[in-house]
Structure formats: C-alpha cells, structure tokens
Amino acid sequence: MSPRCFATRSRLIRAKHMASRDLALIGAGYWGKNIARNFNLLGALHTLCDLNPATLESYGADYHGVRKTDTVASVLADPTI
C-alpha cells in the first residue's frame, strides 16, 4: 500500500469515527498504550479500563475526554459503548 493510499484510508476511518466515541479498551498497559493512542487519535476511544490505578493515571491531558475505570463490569454496563 502506498503512503498516499494509507493516508487517504486513515482519513476515511477517522471521519467515520469522529462523531462516535464508542470504543472501550480493556487492558491499558504495555501494548494498550499504543492501541489507546491510535484509537484516541481516530476519535473513537470512549473508555480505558485497567486494574492498575497507576496505569490509568499515566494517561495525560491528551485523554481528557476519555473515561477511566478499573472494573470491566462498568464497561459492560455502559450502553454508550
């Protein structure tokens, strides 16, 4: 895939998700940070879930609109996800 095609595809994906933050990431640690960053940039990330409070606190100002929780039950109970 050429860089131009990838950039166009990224814009289409971003445009599709911009209006709906409806994705929850369960497990926000080592690999989760990369996944969270990408979904947040796409405008799709609604909630970060991790058992470790320090992990959740490590997400800075770029995640100000993202809910953070330490229970999977609260993620599953949220109808907006």
C-alpha atoms as a PDB file:
ATOM      1  CA  MET A   1       0.000   0.000   0.000  1.00  0.00           C
ATOM      2  CA  SER A   2       1.423   3.357  -0.939  1.00  0.00           C
ATOM      3  CA  PRO A   3       1.726   6.111   1.697  1.00  0.00           C
ATOM      4  CA  ARG A   4      -0.867   8.179  -0.140  1.00  0.00           C
ATOM      5  CA  CYS A   5      -3.431   5.345  -0.083  1.00  0.00           C
ATOM      6  CA  PHE A   6      -2.750   4.775   3.591  1.00  0.00           C
ATOM      7  CA  ALA A   7      -3.195   8.480   4.384  1.00  0.00           C
ATOM      8  CA  THR A   8      -6.491   8.569   2.488  1.00  0.00           C
ATOM      9  CA  ARG A   9      -7.690   5.409   4.209  1.00  0.00           C
ATOM     10  CA  SER A  10      -6.718   6.839   7.603  1.00  0.00           C
ATOM     11  CA  ARG A  11      -8.751   9.973   6.916  1.00  0.00           C
ATOM     12  CA  LEU A  12     -11.773   7.884   5.953  1.00  0.00           C
ATOM     13  CA  ILE A  13     -11.503   5.797   9.103  1.00  0.00           C
ATOM     14  CA  ARG A  14     -11.010   8.926  11.211  1.00  0.00           C
ATOM     15  CA  ALA A  15     -14.024  10.618   9.592  1.00  0.00           C
ATOM     16  CA  LYS A  16     -16.212   7.586  10.266  1.00  0.00           C
ATOM     17  CA  HIS A  17     -15.380   7.524  13.980  1.00  0.00           C
ATOM     18  CA  MET A  18     -15.105  11.257  14.702  1.00  0.00           C
ATOM     19  CA  ALA A  19     -18.749  11.567  15.672  1.00  0.00           C
ATOM     20  CA  SER A  20     -18.875   8.443  17.827  1.00  0.00           C
ATOM     21  CA  ARG A  21     -16.611   7.764  20.773  1.00  0.00           C
ATOM     22  CA  ASP A  22     -17.881   4.263  21.374  1.00  0.00           C
ATOM     23  CA  LEU A  23     -14.839   2.064  21.919  1.00  0.00           C
ATOM     24  CA  ALA A  24     -13.538   0.754  25.248  1.00  0.00           C
ATOM     25  CA  LEU A  25     -10.034  -0.619  25.689  1.00  0.00           C
ATOM     26  CA  ILE A  26      -9.699  -3.235  28.416  1.00  0.00           C
ATOM     27  CA  GLY A  27      -6.061  -3.535  29.402  1.00  0.00           C
ATOM     28  CA  ALA A  28      -4.316  -0.186  29.054  1.00  0.00           C
ATOM     29  CA  GLY A  29      -0.780  -1.215  29.986  1.00  0.00           C
ATOM     30  CA  TYR A  30       2.221  -2.092  27.813  1.00  0.00           C
ATOM     31  CA  TRP A  31       0.596  -2.752  24.400  1.00  0.00           C
ATOM     32  CA  GLY A  32      -2.558  -0.935  25.436  1.00  0.00           C
ATOM     33  CA  LYS A  33      -0.765   2.424  25.355  1.00  0.00           C
ATOM     34  CA  ASN A  34      -0.121   2.067  21.625  1.00  0.00           C
ATOM     35  CA  ILE A  35      -3.638   0.889  20.892  1.00  0.00           C
ATOM     36  CA  ALA A  36      -5.155   3.643  23.067  1.00  0.00           C
ATOM     37  CA  ARG A  37      -3.091   6.326  21.353  1.00  0.00           C
ATOM     38  CA  ASN A  38      -4.249   5.239  17.897  1.00  0.00           C
ATOM     39  CA  PHE A  39      -7.933   4.918  18.792  1.00  0.00           C
ATOM     40  CA  ASN A  40      -7.806   8.240  20.625  1.00  0.00           C
ATOM     41  CA  LEU A  41      -6.306   9.935  17.560  1.00  0.00           C
ATOM     42  CA  LEU A  42      -9.143   8.466  15.494  1.00  0.00           C
ATOM     43  CA  GLY A  43     -11.653   9.937  17.935  1.00  0.00           C
ATOM     44  CA  ALA A  44     -13.119   6.528  18.771  1.00  0.00           C
ATOM     45  CA  LEU A  45     -11.817   5.932  22.311  1.00  0.00           C
ATOM     46  CA  HIS A  46     -14.537   6.270  24.951  1.00  0.00           C
ATOM     47  CA  THR A  47     -13.134   4.355  27.955  1.00  0.00           C
ATOM     48  CA  LEU A  48      -9.847   2.996  29.260  1.00  0.00           C
ATOM     49  CA  CYS A  49     -10.120   0.070  31.670  1.00  0.00           C
ATOM     50  CA  ASP A  50      -7.224  -1.322  33.714  1.00  0.00           C
ATOM     51  CA  LEU A  51      -6.907  -2.866  37.165  1.00  0.00           C
ATOM     52  CA  ASN A  52      -3.816  -0.809  37.979  1.00  0.00           C
ATOM     53  CA  PRO A  53      -4.710   2.764  39.064  1.00  0.00           C
ATOM     54  CA  ALA A  54      -1.172   3.941  38.257  1.00  0.00           C
ATOM     55  CA  THR A  55      -1.615   2.805  34.660  1.00  0.00           C
ATOM     56  CA  LEU A  56      -4.828   4.795  34.310  1.00  0.00           C
ATOM     57  CA  GLU A  57      -3.214   7.854  35.921  1.00  0.00           C
ATOM     58  CA  SER A  58      -0.339   7.655  33.423  1.00  0.00           C
ATOM     59  CA  TYR A  59      -2.642   8.767  30.613  1.00  0.00           C
ATOM     60  CA  GLY A  60      -2.168  12.518  30.363  1.00  0.00           C
ATOM     61  CA  ALA A  61      -4.041  15.516  29.045  1.00  0.00           C
ATOM     62  CA  ASP A  62      -4.426  14.003  25.577  1.00  0.00           C
ATOM     63  CA  TYR A  63      -7.014  11.680  27.122  1.00  0.00           C
ATOM     64  CA  HIS A  64      -9.082  14.320  28.959  1.00  0.00           C
ATOM     65  CA  GLY A  65     -12.327  13.254  27.253  1.00  0.00           C
ATOM     66  CA  VAL A  66     -11.768   9.543  27.853  1.00  0.00           C
ATOM     67  CA  ARG A  67     -13.386   7.849  30.837  1.00  0.00           C
ATOM     68  CA  LYS A  68     -11.082   5.739  33.021  1.00  0.00           C
ATOM     69  CA  THR A  69     -12.237   2.818  35.140  1.00  0.00           C
ATOM     70  CA  ASP A  70     -10.798  -0.200  36.917  1.00  0.00           C
ATOM     71  CA  THR A  71     -13.777  -2.538  36.508  1.00  0.00           C
ATOM     72  CA  VAL A  72     -14.814  -4.459  33.414  1.00  0.00           C
ATOM     73  CA  ALA A  73     -18.364  -4.603  34.775  1.00  0.00           C
ATOM     74  CA  SER A  74     -18.716  -0.815  34.441  1.00  0.00           C
ATOM     75  CA  VAL A  75     -17.557  -1.047  30.814  1.00  0.00           C
ATOM     76  CA  LEU A  76     -20.043  -3.796  30.013  1.00  0.00           C
ATOM     77  CA  ALA A  77     -22.868  -1.924  31.755  1.00  0.00           C
ATOM     78  CA  ASP A  78     -22.322   1.302  29.789  1.00  0.00           C
ATOM     79  CA  PRO A  79     -24.846   1.447  26.910  1.00  0.00           C
ATOM     80  CA  THR A  80     -22.829   4.141  25.082  1.00  0.00           C
ATOM     81  CA  ILE A  81     -20.011   1.695  24.364  1.00  0.00           C
END
